[in-house]
Amino acid sequence: MRSLLARFFSDEAGATAIEYAIIGAGISIVIVAAANGIGTSLSTRFAAVSTSLK
């Protein structure tokens, strides 16, 4: 039983998967923030073009 627990606590494969998940979450947050900023900028620009065409 002790050897099983020792192997469980020394196994680092799960830690690596969690690190990749945290990195992926961080990248996705950056992508969403960038897309939101671009969308707001485009919306403002289209509104200005629409106003100038009227």
PDB file of N, CA and C in Angstrom:
ATOM      1  N   MET A   1       0.825  -1.192   0.000  1.00  0.00           N
ATOM      2  CA  MET A   1       0.000   0.000   0.000  1.00  0.00           C
ATOM      3  C   MET A   1       0.868   1.254   0.000  1.00  0.00           C
ATOM      4  N   ARG A   2       1.954   1.206   0.761  1.00  0.00           N
ATOM      5  CA  ARG A   2       2.850   2.364   0.807  1.00  0.00           C
ATOM      6  C   ARG A   2       3.486   2.628  -0.554  1.00  0.00           C
ATOM      7  N   SER A   3       3.868   1.560  -1.239  1.00  0.00           N
ATOM      8  CA  SER A   3       4.493   1.756  -2.555  1.00  0.00           C
ATOM      9  C   SER A   3       3.494   2.344  -3.554  1.00  0.00           C
ATOM     10  N   LEU A   4       2.230   1.953  -3.436  1.00  0.00           N
ATOM     11  CA  LEU A   4       1.195   2.509  -4.306  1.00  0.00           C
ATOM     12  C   LEU A   4       1.025   3.999  -4.047  1.00  0.00           C
ATOM     13  N   LEU A   5       0.978   4.397  -2.790  1.00  0.00           N
ATOM     14  CA  LEU A   5       0.854   5.819  -2.450  1.00  0.00           C
ATOM     15  C   LEU A   5       2.106   6.592  -2.856  1.00  0.00           C
ATOM     16  N   ALA A   6       3.266   5.983  -2.690  1.00  0.00           N
ATOM     17  CA  ALA A   6       4.512   6.644  -3.079  1.00  0.00           C
ATOM     18  C   ALA A   6       4.537   6.885  -4.588  1.00  0.00           C
ATOM     19  N   ARG A   7       4.119   5.892  -5.373  1.00  0.00           N
ATOM     20  CA  ARG A   7       4.066   6.079  -6.828  1.00  0.00           C
ATOM     21  C   ARG A   7       3.045   7.135  -7.205  1.00  0.00           C
ATOM     22  N   PHE A   8       1.907   7.174  -6.522  1.00  0.00           N
ATOM     23  CA  PHE A   8       0.860   8.157  -6.813  1.00  0.00           C
ATOM     24  C   PHE A   8       1.364   9.575  -6.571  1.00  0.00           C
ATOM     25  N   PHE A   9       2.041   9.796  -5.461  1.00  0.00           N
ATOM     26  CA  PHE A   9       2.506  11.143  -5.135  1.00  0.00           C
ATOM     27  C   PHE A   9       3.726  11.555  -5.957  1.00  0.00           C
ATOM     28  N   SER A  10       4.504  10.602  -6.448  1.00  0.00           N
ATOM     29  CA  SER A  10       5.675  10.952  -7.249  1.00  0.00           C
ATOM     30  C   SER A  10       5.337  11.096  -8.734  1.00  0.00           C
ATOM     31  N   ASP A  11       4.161  10.676  -9.151  1.00  0.00           N
ATOM     32  CA  ASP A  11       3.748  10.790 -10.558  1.00  0.00           C
ATOM     33  C   ASP A  11       3.442  12.248 -10.884  1.00  0.00           C
ATOM     34  N   GLU A  12       4.120  12.801 -11.893  1.00  0.00           N
ATOM     35  CA  GLU A  12       3.947  14.199 -12.250  1.00  0.00           C
ATOM     36  C   GLU A  12       3.174  14.381 -13.555  1.00  0.00           C
ATOM     37  N   ALA A  13       2.621  13.334 -14.118  1.00  0.00           N
ATOM     38  CA  ALA A  13       1.894  13.443 -15.386  1.00  0.00           C
ATOM     39  C   ALA A  13       0.644  14.303 -15.228  1.00  0.00           C
ATOM     40  N   GLY A  14      -0.037  14.193 -14.135  1.00  0.00           N
ATOM     41  CA  GLY A  14      -1.228  15.007 -13.908  1.00  0.00           C
ATOM     42  C   GLY A  14      -0.896  16.476 -13.747  1.00  0.00           C
ATOM     43  N   ALA A  15       0.231  16.773 -13.135  1.00  0.00           N
ATOM     44  CA  ALA A  15       0.660  18.161 -12.956  1.00  0.00           C
ATOM     45  C   ALA A  15       0.930  18.802 -14.305  1.00  0.00           C
ATOM     46  N   THR A  16       1.508  18.045 -15.223  1.00  0.00           N
ATOM     47  CA  THR A  16       1.777  18.570 -16.556  1.00  0.00           C
ATOM     48  C   THR A  16       0.482  18.879 -17.284  1.00  0.00           C
ATOM     49  N   ALA A  17      -0.503  18.022 -17.174  1.00  0.00           N
ATOM     50  CA  ALA A  17      -1.788  18.260 -17.823  1.00  0.00           C
ATOM     51  C   ALA A  17      -2.470  19.497 -17.256  1.00  0.00           C
ATOM     52  N   ILE A  18      -2.370  19.694 -15.952  1.00  0.00           N
ATOM     53  CA  ILE A  18      -2.964  20.881 -15.328  1.00  0.00           C
ATOM     54  C   ILE A  18      -2.240  22.139 -15.796  1.00  0.00           C
ATOM     55  N   GLU A  19      -0.925  22.078 -15.925  1.00  0.00           N
ATOM     56  CA  GLU A  19      -0.169  23.239 -16.416  1.00  0.00           C
ATOM     57  C   GLU A  19      -0.594  23.594 -17.836  1.00  0.00           C
ATOM     58  N   TYR A  20      -0.757  22.604 -18.690  1.00  0.00           N
ATOM     59  CA  TYR A  20      -1.207  22.877 -20.058  1.00  0.00           C
ATOM     60  C   TYR A  20      -2.619  23.450 -20.072  1.00  0.00           C
ATOM     61  N   ALA A  21      -3.472  22.995 -19.186  1.00  0.00           N
ATOM     62  CA  ALA A  21      -4.831  23.531 -19.112  1.00  0.00           C
ATOM     63  C   ALA A  21      -4.819  24.995 -18.674  1.00  0.00           C
ATOM     64  N   ILE A  22      -3.958  25.332 -17.734  1.00  0.00           N
ATOM     65  CA  ILE A  22      -3.853  26.731 -17.281  1.00  0.00           C
ATOM     66  C   ILE A  22      -3.313  27.608 -18.404  1.00  0.00           C
ATOM     67  N   ILE A  23      -2.320  27.133 -19.134  1.00  0.00           N
ATOM     68  CA  ILE A  23      -1.782  27.889 -20.262  1.00  0.00           C
ATOM     69  C   ILE A  23      -2.850  28.082 -21.335  1.00  0.00           C
ATOM     70  N   GLY A  24      -3.593  27.025 -21.632  1.00  0.00           N
ATOM     71  CA  GLY A  24      -4.666  27.125 -22.625  1.00  0.00           C
ATOM     72  C   GLY A  24      -5.750  28.109 -22.204  1.00  0.00           C
ATOM     73  N   ALA A  25      -6.093  28.107 -20.930  1.00  0.00           N
ATOM     74  CA  ALA A  25      -7.100  29.055 -20.437  1.00  0.00           C
ATOM     75  C   ALA A  25      -6.601  30.482 -20.552  1.00  0.00           C
ATOM     76  N   GLY A  26      -5.348  30.706 -20.247  1.00  0.00           N
ATOM     77  CA  GLY A  26      -4.770  32.047 -20.371  1.00  0.00           C
ATOM     78  C   GLY A  26      -4.767  32.538 -21.805  1.00  0.00           C
ATOM     79  N   ILE A  27      -4.395  31.663 -22.730  1.00  0.00           N
ATOM     80  CA  ILE A  27      -4.393  32.031 -24.143  1.00  0.00           C
ATOM     81  C   ILE A  27      -5.800  32.326 -24.629  1.00  0.00           C
ATOM     82  N   SER A  28      -6.769  31.545 -24.198  1.00  0.00           N
ATOM     83  CA  SER A  28      -8.146  31.783 -24.638  1.00  0.00           C
ATOM     84  C   SER A  28      -8.685  33.098 -24.091  1.00  0.00           C
ATOM     85  N   ILE A  29      -8.303  33.472 -22.886  1.00  0.00           N
ATOM     86  CA  ILE A  29      -8.729  34.764 -22.327  1.00  0.00           C
ATOM     87  C   ILE A  29      -8.148  35.911 -23.152  1.00  0.00           C
ATOM     88  N   VAL A  30      -6.891  35.794 -23.553  1.00  0.00           N
ATOM     89  CA  VAL A  30      -6.262  36.831 -24.379  1.00  0.00           C
ATOM     90  C   VAL A  30      -6.959  36.935 -25.730  1.00  0.00           C
ATOM     91  N   ILE A  31      -7.299  35.804 -26.329  1.00  0.00           N
ATOM     92  CA  ILE A  31      -7.981  35.810 -27.632  1.00  0.00           C
ATOM     93  C   ILE A  31      -9.348  36.466 -27.513  1.00  0.00           C
ATOM     94  N   VAL A  32     -10.098  36.140 -26.482  1.00  0.00           N
ATOM     95  CA  VAL A  32     -11.425  36.740 -26.297  1.00  0.00           C
ATOM     96  C   VAL A  32     -11.315  38.241 -26.070  1.00  0.00           C
ATOM     97  N   ALA A  33     -10.356  38.662 -25.284  1.00  0.00           N
ATOM     98  CA  ALA A  33     -10.173  40.099 -25.036  1.00  0.00           C
ATOM     99  C   ALA A  33      -9.796  40.831 -26.318  1.00  0.00           C
ATOM    100  N   ALA A  34      -8.930  40.252 -27.123  1.00  0.00           N
ATOM    101  CA  ALA A  34      -8.534  40.875 -28.387  1.00  0.00           C
ATOM    102  C   ALA A  34      -9.712  40.938 -29.352  1.00  0.00           C
ATOM    103  N   ALA A  35     -10.475  39.872 -29.450  1.00  0.00           N
ATOM    104  CA  ALA A  35     -11.633  39.862 -30.348  1.00  0.00           C
ATOM    105  C   ALA A  35     -12.670  40.878 -29.896  1.00  0.00           C
ATOM    106  N   ASN A  36     -12.848  41.030 -28.607  1.00  0.00           N
ATOM    107  CA  ASN A  36     -13.794  42.008 -28.081  1.00  0.00           C
ATOM    108  C   ASN A  36     -13.337  43.429 -28.428  1.00  0.00           C
ATOM    109  N   GLY A  37     -12.075  43.715 -28.287  1.00  0.00           N
ATOM    110  CA  GLY A  37     -11.541  45.033 -28.626  1.00  0.00           C
ATOM    111  C   GLY A  37     -11.669  45.337 -30.109  1.00  0.00           C
ATOM    112  N   ILE A  38     -11.374  44.361 -30.947  1.00  0.00           N
ATOM    113  CA  ILE A  38     -11.498  44.545 -32.390  1.00  0.00           C
ATOM    114  C   ILE A  38     -12.965  44.736 -32.770  1.00  0.00           C
ATOM    115  N   GLY A  39     -13.845  43.979 -32.153  1.00  0.00           N
ATOM    116  CA  GLY A  39     -15.278  44.105 -32.445  1.00  0.00           C
ATOM    117  C   GLY A  39     -15.817  45.479 -32.082  1.00  0.00           C
ATOM    118  N   THR A  40     -15.390  46.006 -30.952  1.00  0.00           N
ATOM    119  CA  THR A  40     -15.830  47.337 -30.538  1.00  0.00           C
ATOM    120  C   THR A  40     -15.309  48.393 -31.508  1.00  0.00           C
ATOM    121  N   SER A  41     -14.061  48.257 -31.908  1.00  0.00           N
ATOM    122  CA  SER A  41     -13.464  49.196 -32.852  1.00  0.00           C
ATOM    123  C   SER A  41     -14.191  49.156 -34.194  1.00  0.00           C
ATOM    124  N   LEU A  42     -14.471  47.964 -34.683  1.00  0.00           N
ATOM    125  CA  LEU A  42     -15.173  47.834 -35.961  1.00  0.00           C
ATOM    126  C   LEU A  42     -16.595  48.376 -35.880  1.00  0.00           C
ATOM    127  N   SER A  43     -17.255  48.137 -34.773  1.00  0.00           N
ATOM    128  CA  SER A  43     -18.616  48.643 -34.601  1.00  0.00           C
ATOM    129  C   SER A  43     -18.635  50.171 -34.653  1.00  0.00           C
ATOM    130  N   THR A  44     -17.696  50.807 -34.000  1.00  0.00           N
ATOM    131  CA  THR A  44     -17.599  52.266 -34.009  1.00  0.00           C
ATOM    132  C   THR A  44     -17.317  52.775 -35.421  1.00  0.00           C
ATOM    133  N   ARG A  45     -16.434  52.111 -36.124  1.00  0.00           N
ATOM    134  CA  ARG A  45     -16.084  52.523 -37.480  1.00  0.00           C
ATOM    135  C   ARG A  45     -17.273  52.367 -38.429  1.00  0.00           C
ATOM    136  N   PHE A  46     -18.000  51.240 -38.333  1.00  0.00           N
ATOM    137  CA  PHE A  46     -19.171  51.042 -39.190  1.00  0.00           C
ATOM    138  C   PHE A  46     -20.260  52.060 -38.878  1.00  0.00           C
ATOM    139  N   ALA A  47     -20.409  52.408 -37.630  1.00  0.00           N
ATOM    140  CA  ALA A  47     -21.396  53.422 -37.257  1.00  0.00           C
ATOM    141  C   ALA A  47     -21.027  54.777 -37.850  1.00  0.00           C
ATOM    142  N   ALA A  48     -19.736  55.102 -37.847  1.00  0.00           N
ATOM    143  CA  ALA A  48     -19.292  56.379 -38.441  1.00  0.00           C
ATOM    144  C   ALA A  48     -19.521  56.388 -39.945  1.00  0.00           C
ATOM    145  N   VAL A  49     -19.239  55.291 -40.602  1.00  0.00           N
ATOM    146  CA  VAL A  49     -19.457  55.193 -42.054  1.00  0.00           C
ATOM    147  C   VAL A  49     -20.936  55.290 -42.364  1.00  0.00           C
ATOM    148  N   SER A  50     -21.757  54.633 -41.580  1.00  0.00           N
ATOM    149  CA  SER A  50     -23.204  54.671 -41.792  1.00  0.00           C
ATOM    150  C   SER A  50     -23.737  56.085 -41.604  1.00  0.00           C
ATOM    151  N   THR A  51     -23.238  56.782 -40.606  1.00  0.00           N
ATOM    152  CA  THR A  51     -23.682  58.157 -40.351  1.00  0.00           C
ATOM    153  C   THR A  51     -23.253  59.079 -41.493  1.00  0.00           C
ATOM    154  N   SER A  52     -22.047  58.900 -42.009  1.00  0.00           N
ATOM    155  CA  SER A  52     -21.567  59.771 -43.091  1.00  0.00           C
ATOM    156  C   SER A  52     -22.294  59.482 -44.405  1.00  0.00           C
ATOM    157  N   LEU A  53     -22.818  58.274 -44.583  1.00  0.00           N
ATOM    158  CA  LEU A  53     -23.546  57.944 -45.806  1.00  0.00           C
ATOM    159  C   LEU A  53     -24.973  58.486 -45.793  1.00  0.00           C
ATOM    160  N   LYS A  54     -25.514  58.781 -44.613  1.00  0.00           N
ATOM    161  CA  LYS A  54     -26.899  59.230 -44.529  1.00  0.00           C
ATOM    162  C   LYS A  54     -27.037  60.671 -44.873  1.00  0.00           C
TER     163      LYS A  54
END
